[in-house]
Amino acid sequence: MKVYINGGFVDEADAKISVFDHGLLYGDGVFEGIRLYKGCVFKLEEHLERLEMSAKAILLDLPMSRQELSDAVCEACRVNGLSDGYIRLVVTRGVGTLGLSHKNCKNPQVIIIADKIALYPKEFYTQGLRIITSPTRRINPAALPPMVKSLNYLNNIMAKADAGLAGCLEAIMLNDQGYVAECTGDNIFLRHKDRWATPPSHAGALKGITRGAVLEIMEAEGIACAETNITRYEVWTADEIFLTGTAAELIPVVEVDGRRIGSGSPGEQTLKLLDAFQDRVTRDGTML
């Protein structure tokens, strides 16, 4: 595999940055996870726009234009001979001193890794996931806005560990008020009767690219979905639940905290939305 670093490609064994990079020392940087479907980079413009906004929010000057980043992402896929896969685009603060100040850092590092994707096992798309509610709370949006997709992921990692200890692959994270924020790597949607709901960004939810695509599909299909605060009780008593994410796509949930969701099988509307999402993945993107 070839990895892009600062304008060129190197073998993965030679893909290195300085130990003084603030991305390593402090998690100071931003990233995007992007999918490649049949030679089409899904929602690349939206991902690059979010990267730019995340960088602006943390006072990080991107060293490349949007078009240059787009070209580099596509070239990373070509160089590695991919038609389907996953792209991790990372921008670190760059080398600095051991102090916290971002002003002491020079030359942000642009790293692009394009590789095959390890999805959830196929049976979970037909049988559904069992998940839990993590005791690890989501960081308060006032402390670190969830719209910033930063390299500070320890909060999510600890909640993911909680899921693993419970024998699950994913976990719901609550915010400091006790409302549902999101899962460790996915957004969450649920249905009560004829109405769908998903947490808003001010509750701690990332404005996921896949989440946005699913909201567009719902609107086109005339399916009402409110962005509103959601309690654990509403999760436990939901008729359908699914998660969305770049790697997960759209995946059903059939059990939360030992409570069966609906019939205990993926819901009818969930499966229809999954089909609709898969139909558009090569239409809403940038061809290599």
Protein backbone atom coordinates (compact mmCIF):
# COMPACT_ATOMS: atom_id res chain seq x y z
CA MET A 1 0.00 0.00 0.00
CA LYS A 2 1.13 3.52 -0.82
CA VAL A 3 0.37 6.36 1.61
CA TYR A 4 0.16 10.01 0.60
CA ILE A 5 2.13 12.40 2.80
CA ASN A 6 2.61 16.06 1.93
CA GLY A 7 2.53 15.85 -1.85
CA GLY A 8 3.98 12.42 -2.51
CA PHE A 9 3.42 8.69 -2.05
CA VAL A 10 5.55 6.42 0.10
CA ASP A 11 5.39 2.74 1.05
CA GLU A 12 3.33 2.17 4.18
CA ALA A 13 6.47 1.10 6.09
CA ASP A 14 7.96 4.52 5.35
CA ALA A 15 4.82 6.51 6.19
CA LYS A 16 6.03 8.43 9.23
CA ILE A 17 5.68 11.77 10.96
CA SER A 18 7.73 13.42 13.68
CA VAL A 19 7.25 12.47 17.33
CA PHE A 20 7.00 16.24 17.92
CA ASP A 21 3.90 16.58 15.73
CA HIS A 22 1.07 17.97 17.85
CA GLY A 23 -1.28 15.51 16.19
CA LEU A 24 0.60 12.78 18.10
CA LEU A 25 1.39 14.75 21.24
CA TYR A 26 -2.05 16.29 21.79
CA GLY A 27 -4.50 14.89 19.24
CA ASP A 28 -4.32 18.29 17.55
CA GLY A 29 -5.69 17.91 14.06
CA VAL A 30 -8.73 16.95 12.00
CA PHE A 31 -9.74 14.03 9.81
CA GLU A 32 -12.37 12.59 7.52
CA GLY A 33 -13.35 8.98 6.81
CA ILE A 34 -14.59 8.63 3.23
CA ARG A 35 -16.00 5.71 1.23
CA LEU A 36 -15.15 4.62 -2.30
CA TYR A 37 -17.85 2.70 -4.20
CA LYS A 38 -17.23 1.26 -7.67
CA GLY A 39 -14.70 3.95 -8.54
CA CYS A 40 -16.81 6.78 -7.09
CA VAL A 41 -15.76 8.68 -3.95
CA PHE A 42 -19.01 9.15 -2.04
CA LYS A 43 -19.91 12.73 -1.07
CA LEU A 44 -16.30 13.89 -1.46
CA GLU A 45 -17.23 17.58 -1.68
CA GLU A 46 -19.25 17.35 1.54
CA HIS A 47 -16.38 15.61 3.32
CA LEU A 48 -13.87 18.23 2.19
CA GLU A 49 -16.20 21.05 3.21
CA ARG A 50 -16.54 19.52 6.69
CA LEU A 51 -12.76 19.12 6.89
CA GLU A 52 -12.34 22.80 6.04
CA MET A 53 -14.86 23.87 8.68
CA SER A 54 -13.30 21.61 11.32
CA ALA A 55 -9.87 23.06 10.52
CA LYS A 56 -11.18 26.63 10.66
CA ALA A 57 -12.78 25.99 14.04
CA ILE A 58 -9.47 24.90 15.57
CA LEU A 59 -7.41 27.62 13.84
CA LEU A 60 -5.64 25.13 11.57
CA ASP A 61 -4.66 26.50 8.14
CA LEU A 62 -4.99 23.75 5.55
CA PRO A 63 -1.87 23.71 3.33
CA MET A 64 -3.85 22.56 0.27
CA SER A 65 -6.90 23.86 -1.58
CA ARG A 66 -10.11 21.85 -1.79
CA GLN A 67 -9.34 20.92 -5.39
CA GLU A 68 -5.81 19.83 -4.48
CA LEU A 69 -7.18 17.67 -1.66
CA SER A 70 -9.81 16.20 -3.97
CA ASP A 71 -7.20 15.34 -6.59
CA ALA A 72 -4.92 13.79 -3.94
CA VAL A 73 -7.76 11.63 -2.54
CA CYS A 74 -8.63 10.31 -5.99
CA GLU A 75 -4.97 9.70 -6.83
CA ALA A 76 -4.49 7.74 -3.59
CA CYS A 77 -7.27 5.41 -4.70
CA ARG A 78 -5.79 5.01 -8.18
CA VAL A 79 -2.25 4.40 -6.93
CA ASN A 80 -3.52 1.62 -4.67
CA GLY A 81 -5.67 0.05 -7.40
CA LEU A 82 -8.93 0.48 -5.51
CA SER A 83 -12.44 0.60 -6.88
CA ASP A 84 -14.08 0.00 -3.48
CA GLY A 85 -12.59 0.93 -0.14
CA TYR A 86 -12.12 3.43 2.66
CA ILE A 87 -10.11 6.64 2.68
CA ARG A 88 -8.73 8.27 5.82
CA LEU A 89 -7.78 11.90 5.22
CA VAL A 90 -5.84 13.38 8.14
CA VAL A 91 -4.39 16.85 8.69
CA THR A 92 -2.20 17.26 11.78
CA ARG A 93 -1.07 20.53 13.32
CA GLY A 94 2.56 19.74 12.46
CA VAL A 95 5.83 19.80 14.38
CA GLY A 96 5.98 22.09 17.38
CA THR A 97 7.43 22.44 20.85
CA LEU A 98 6.27 20.49 23.88
CA GLY A 99 4.05 23.42 24.86
CA LEU A 100 0.36 23.61 24.00
CA SER A 101 0.40 26.71 21.82
CA HIS A 102 -0.58 26.07 18.21
CA LYS A 103 1.46 29.11 17.20
CA ASN A 104 4.68 27.15 17.75
CA CYS A 105 3.71 24.55 15.13
CA LYS A 106 4.83 24.71 11.51
CA ASN A 107 3.92 22.83 8.35
CA PRO A 108 0.68 20.90 8.90
CA GLN A 109 0.93 17.30 7.70
CA VAL A 110 -1.56 16.02 5.11
CA ILE A 111 -1.90 12.24 5.19
CA ILE A 112 -4.17 10.12 2.97
CA ILE A 113 -4.57 6.39 3.53
CA ALA A 114 -6.67 4.54 0.94
CA ASP A 115 -7.28 0.88 1.73
CA LYS A 116 -9.89 -1.85 1.74
CA ILE A 117 -12.72 -1.50 4.22
CA ALA A 118 -13.59 -3.89 7.05
CA LEU A 119 -17.37 -3.60 7.38
CA TYR A 120 -19.62 -5.05 10.01
CA PRO A 121 -20.09 -8.76 9.22
CA LYS A 122 -22.79 -9.19 6.56
CA GLU A 123 -25.15 -11.07 8.88
CA PHE A 124 -25.68 -7.97 11.01
CA TYR A 125 -27.33 -6.20 8.06
CA THR A 126 -29.91 -8.99 7.84
CA GLN A 127 -30.16 -9.94 11.52
CA GLY A 128 -29.38 -6.62 13.22
CA LEU A 129 -27.02 -5.44 15.95
CA ARG A 130 -27.19 -5.81 19.73
CA ILE A 131 -25.89 -2.65 21.41
CA ILE A 132 -25.67 -1.13 24.88
CA THR A 133 -25.71 2.31 26.44
CA SER A 134 -22.18 3.19 27.48
CA PRO A 135 -21.51 4.62 30.95
CA THR A 136 -18.96 6.90 29.27
CA ARG A 137 -20.67 10.21 28.56
CA ARG A 138 -20.19 12.30 25.42
CA ILE A 139 -18.02 15.39 25.87
CA ASN A 140 -20.16 18.49 26.43
CA PRO A 141 -20.68 20.31 23.09
CA ALA A 142 -19.72 23.55 24.83
CA ALA A 143 -16.29 22.05 25.61
CA LEU A 144 -15.61 20.56 22.18
CA PRO A 145 -18.22 21.11 19.45
CA PRO A 146 -19.22 17.77 17.89
CA MET A 147 -19.16 19.42 14.44
CA VAL A 148 -15.35 19.42 14.73
CA LYS A 149 -14.13 16.01 13.59
CA SER A 150 -10.87 16.17 15.49
CA LEU A 151 -8.15 13.67 16.33
CA ASN A 152 -9.30 13.78 19.98
CA TYR A 153 -11.16 10.44 19.96
CA LEU A 154 -10.36 9.01 23.40
CA ASN A 155 -13.92 9.71 24.55
CA ASN A 156 -15.30 7.51 21.76
CA ILE A 157 -12.59 4.89 22.24
CA MET A 158 -13.50 4.44 25.91
CA ALA A 159 -17.18 4.01 25.01
CA LYS A 160 -16.20 1.52 22.30
CA ALA A 161 -14.29 -0.40 24.97
CA ASP A 162 -17.44 -0.43 27.11
CA ALA A 163 -19.29 -2.02 24.18
CA GLY A 164 -16.61 -4.66 23.74
CA LEU A 165 -16.64 -5.56 27.42
CA ALA A 166 -20.39 -6.15 27.11
CA GLY A 167 -19.91 -8.35 24.06
CA CYS A 168 -21.28 -5.76 21.64
CA LEU A 169 -19.83 -3.96 18.62
CA GLU A 170 -21.34 -0.55 19.29
CA ALA A 171 -22.65 1.58 22.14
CA ILE A 172 -24.91 4.59 22.58
CA MET A 173 -23.30 7.62 24.23
CA LEU A 174 -25.41 9.98 26.33
CA ASN A 175 -24.62 13.65 26.81
CA ASP A 176 -24.15 15.29 30.19
CA GLN A 177 -27.92 15.92 30.43
CA GLY A 178 -28.72 12.26 29.90
CA TYR A 179 -30.03 12.57 26.36
CA VAL A 180 -28.80 10.37 23.51
CA ALA A 181 -25.94 12.01 21.59
CA GLU A 182 -24.73 9.36 19.14
CA CYS A 183 -22.94 6.03 19.14
CA THR A 184 -19.17 5.66 19.34
CA GLY A 185 -18.72 5.83 15.57
CA ASP A 186 -22.25 6.13 14.19
CA ASN A 187 -25.31 8.34 14.29
CA ILE A 188 -28.59 6.87 15.52
CA PHE A 189 -32.17 7.01 14.20
CA LEU A 190 -35.29 5.56 15.82
CA ARG A 191 -38.99 5.23 15.00
CA HIS A 192 -42.06 5.44 17.22
CA LYS A 193 -45.18 4.58 15.22
CA ASP A 194 -45.03 6.76 12.11
CA ARG A 195 -42.39 9.27 13.24
CA TRP A 196 -38.62 9.00 13.08
CA ALA A 197 -36.18 10.97 15.24
CA THR A 198 -32.42 11.53 15.43
CA PRO A 199 -30.39 13.58 17.93
CA PRO A 200 -29.45 17.15 16.88
CA SER A 201 -25.87 18.38 16.84
CA HIS A 202 -26.42 20.49 19.97
CA ALA A 203 -27.09 17.23 21.85
CA GLY A 204 -23.59 16.06 20.93
CA ALA A 205 -24.21 14.36 17.59
CA LEU A 206 -21.77 14.68 14.73
CA LYS A 207 -23.45 15.91 11.56
CA GLY A 208 -22.49 12.72 9.76
CA ILE A 209 -22.27 12.68 5.98
CA THR A 210 -24.15 9.37 5.81
CA ARG A 211 -26.66 10.74 8.33
CA GLY A 212 -27.26 13.70 6.00
CA ALA A 213 -27.68 11.41 2.98
CA VAL A 214 -30.27 9.33 4.84
CA LEU A 215 -32.16 12.47 5.91
CA GLU A 216 -32.27 13.50 2.23
CA ILE A 217 -33.66 10.08 1.27
CA MET A 218 -36.28 10.28 4.02
CA GLU A 219 -37.40 13.70 2.85
CA ALA A 220 -37.63 12.49 -0.76
CA GLU A 221 -39.68 9.48 0.37
CA GLY A 222 -42.02 11.63 2.47
CA ILE A 223 -40.82 10.09 5.74
CA ALA A 224 -40.96 12.55 8.64
CA CYS A 225 -37.82 12.70 10.79
CA ALA A 226 -37.35 15.20 13.62
CA GLU A 227 -33.97 16.28 14.99
CA THR A 228 -34.80 16.28 18.68
CA ASN A 229 -33.63 15.21 22.13
CA ILE A 230 -34.05 11.48 22.72
CA THR A 231 -34.16 9.68 26.09
CA ARG A 232 -33.06 6.14 26.93
CA TYR A 233 -36.73 5.29 27.53
CA GLU A 234 -37.53 6.31 23.97
CA VAL A 235 -34.69 4.12 22.72
CA TRP A 236 -35.84 1.12 24.75
CA THR A 237 -39.44 1.44 23.51
CA ALA A 238 -38.70 2.25 19.85
CA ASP A 239 -40.35 0.30 17.04
CA GLU A 240 -37.25 0.48 14.83
CA ILE A 241 -33.66 1.66 15.25
CA PHE A 242 -30.79 1.93 12.81
CA LEU A 243 -27.32 3.46 12.84
CA THR A 244 -25.55 5.37 10.09
CA GLY A 245 -21.86 5.96 9.44
CA THR A 246 -19.25 6.00 6.71
CA ALA A 247 -18.10 2.46 7.45
CA ALA A 248 -21.43 1.15 8.76
CA GLU A 249 -23.57 2.66 5.98
CA LEU A 250 -27.03 2.00 7.43
CA ILE A 251 -27.28 -0.92 9.85
CA PRO A 252 -30.30 -2.15 11.86
CA VAL A 253 -30.38 -2.47 15.65
CA VAL A 254 -32.57 -5.17 17.20
CA GLU A 255 -31.62 -4.98 20.89
CA VAL A 256 -30.51 -2.20 23.26
CA ASP A 257 -29.50 -2.82 26.87
CA GLY A 258 -31.18 -6.23 26.75
CA ARG A 259 -34.46 -4.78 25.48
CA ARG A 260 -35.79 -6.15 22.20
CA ILE A 261 -36.50 -3.48 19.59
CA GLY A 262 -39.76 -4.00 17.70
CA SER A 263 -40.10 -7.63 16.64
CA GLY A 264 -36.42 -8.33 17.28
CA SER A 265 -35.68 -8.30 13.55
CA PRO A 266 -34.59 -5.42 11.26
CA GLY A 267 -37.57 -3.17 10.61
CA GLU A 268 -39.32 -2.90 7.26
CA GLN A 269 -38.68 0.82 6.86
CA THR A 270 -35.04 0.37 7.88
CA LEU A 271 -34.48 -2.22 5.16
CA LYS A 272 -36.18 0.00 2.56
CA LEU A 273 -33.95 2.93 3.54
CA LEU A 274 -30.87 0.71 3.34
CA ASP A 275 -31.83 -0.30 -0.20
CA ALA A 276 -32.43 3.33 -1.15
CA PHE A 277 -29.07 4.37 0.29
CA GLN A 278 -27.18 1.64 -1.55
CA ASP A 279 -28.89 2.67 -4.80
CA ARG A 280 -27.43 6.18 -4.63
CA VAL A 281 -23.86 5.65 -3.40
CA THR A 282 -22.37 5.81 -6.90
CA ARG A 283 -24.59 8.73 -7.96
CA ASP A 284 -23.65 11.15 -5.17
CA GLY A 285 -19.91 11.36 -5.53
CA THR A 286 -16.75 12.06 -7.50
CA MET A 287 -15.56 9.57 -10.11
CA LEU A 288 -11.88 8.63 -10.11
